[in-house]
Amino acid sequence: LLAGGSSQLPAALGAGLFLAAATVLAVRRLRERPYVLVGWAWYLGTLLPVIGLVQVGEQARADRYAYLPLVGIYVVVAWGV
């Protein structure tokens, strides 16, 4: 629970459902658009080590942890255009 008595569970469940849906969509589009799965796998694979399961340092979140993972999303966008 947070200080105000609210829970982060709904947000975590929503994020988990989004990740699962995006992964299923990327796998289904593998034959038509293989770059989608490659970009999504890059994003998840490089984000996983800094996802925050074990917090290192004082900050809980920082934009710098998204720089390298976003390359995967940029690959999907660039190849899709």
Protein backbone atom coordinates (compact mmCIF):
# COMPACT_ATOMS: atom_id res chain seq x y z
CA LEU A 1 0.00 0.00 0.00
CA LEU A 2 1.06 3.54 -0.65
CA ALA A 3 1.06 6.34 1.90
CA GLY A 4 -2.45 7.44 0.92
CA GLY A 5 -3.81 3.93 1.41
CA SER A 6 -4.08 3.19 -2.31
CA SER A 7 -2.64 0.14 -3.97
CA GLN A 8 -0.58 -0.11 -7.14
CA LEU A 9 -2.09 -3.49 -7.94
CA PRO A 10 -4.55 -2.27 -10.62
CA ALA A 11 -1.79 -0.39 -12.45
CA ALA A 12 0.53 -3.40 -12.25
CA LEU A 13 -2.16 -5.75 -13.55
CA GLY A 14 -2.97 -3.37 -16.40
CA ALA A 15 0.69 -3.12 -17.36
CA GLY A 16 1.04 -6.90 -17.23
CA LEU A 17 -1.99 -7.36 -19.48
CA PHE A 18 -0.60 -4.81 -21.94
CA LEU A 19 2.77 -6.58 -22.06
CA ALA A 20 1.09 -9.95 -22.60
CA ALA A 21 -1.17 -8.59 -25.34
CA ALA A 22 1.70 -6.85 -27.14
CA THR A 23 3.78 -10.03 -26.99
CA VAL A 24 0.94 -12.17 -28.37
CA LEU A 25 0.38 -9.65 -31.17
CA ALA A 26 4.10 -9.62 -32.05
CA VAL A 27 4.23 -13.42 -32.18
CA ARG A 28 1.09 -13.62 -34.35
CA ARG A 29 2.57 -11.14 -36.83
CA LEU A 30 5.88 -13.02 -37.05
CA ARG A 31 5.43 -14.31 -40.61
CA GLU A 32 4.08 -11.04 -42.02
CA ARG A 33 6.24 -8.60 -40.08
CA PRO A 34 9.21 -10.26 -38.37
CA TYR A 35 10.70 -6.89 -37.42
CA VAL A 36 7.88 -6.38 -34.90
CA LEU A 37 8.94 -9.40 -32.86
CA VAL A 38 12.62 -8.47 -33.16
CA GLY A 39 11.97 -4.93 -31.96
CA TRP A 40 9.68 -6.08 -29.15
CA ALA A 41 12.16 -8.73 -28.02
CA TRP A 42 14.94 -6.11 -28.05
CA TYR A 43 12.79 -3.79 -25.96
CA LEU A 44 11.88 -6.42 -23.37
CA GLY A 45 15.33 -8.02 -23.31
CA THR A 46 17.19 -4.80 -22.68
CA LEU A 47 14.60 -3.38 -20.28
CA LEU A 48 14.42 -6.46 -18.09
CA PRO A 49 17.77 -5.96 -16.28
CA VAL A 50 16.79 -2.43 -15.21
CA ILE A 51 13.07 -3.00 -14.61
CA GLY A 52 13.43 -2.26 -10.91
CA LEU A 53 12.81 -5.60 -9.26
CA VAL A 54 15.96 -4.89 -7.29
CA GLN A 55 16.39 -1.16 -6.75
CA VAL A 56 19.95 0.08 -7.05
CA GLY A 57 20.53 3.65 -5.95
CA GLU A 58 18.26 6.29 -4.53
CA GLN A 59 15.99 6.78 -7.53
CA ALA A 60 13.18 4.35 -8.22
CA ARG A 61 12.81 5.35 -11.88
CA ALA A 62 15.02 7.20 -14.32
CA ASP A 63 14.68 7.99 -18.02
CA ARG A 64 18.23 6.86 -18.73
CA TYR A 65 17.16 3.25 -18.24
CA ALA A 66 14.89 3.52 -21.30
CA TYR A 67 17.44 4.85 -23.80
CA LEU A 68 18.79 1.52 -25.03
CA PRO A 69 15.49 -0.41 -24.84
CA LEU A 70 13.71 2.21 -26.95
CA VAL A 71 15.95 1.29 -29.90
CA GLY A 72 13.73 -1.78 -30.32
CA ILE A 73 10.60 0.35 -30.55
CA TYR A 74 12.35 2.66 -33.02
CA VAL A 75 13.23 -0.38 -35.18
CA VAL A 76 9.55 -1.35 -35.31
CA VAL A 77 8.52 2.19 -36.24
CA ALA A 78 11.28 2.64 -38.84
CA TRP A 79 10.63 -0.67 -40.59
CA GLY A 80 6.88 -0.16 -40.41
CA VAL A 81 6.96 3.15 -42.25
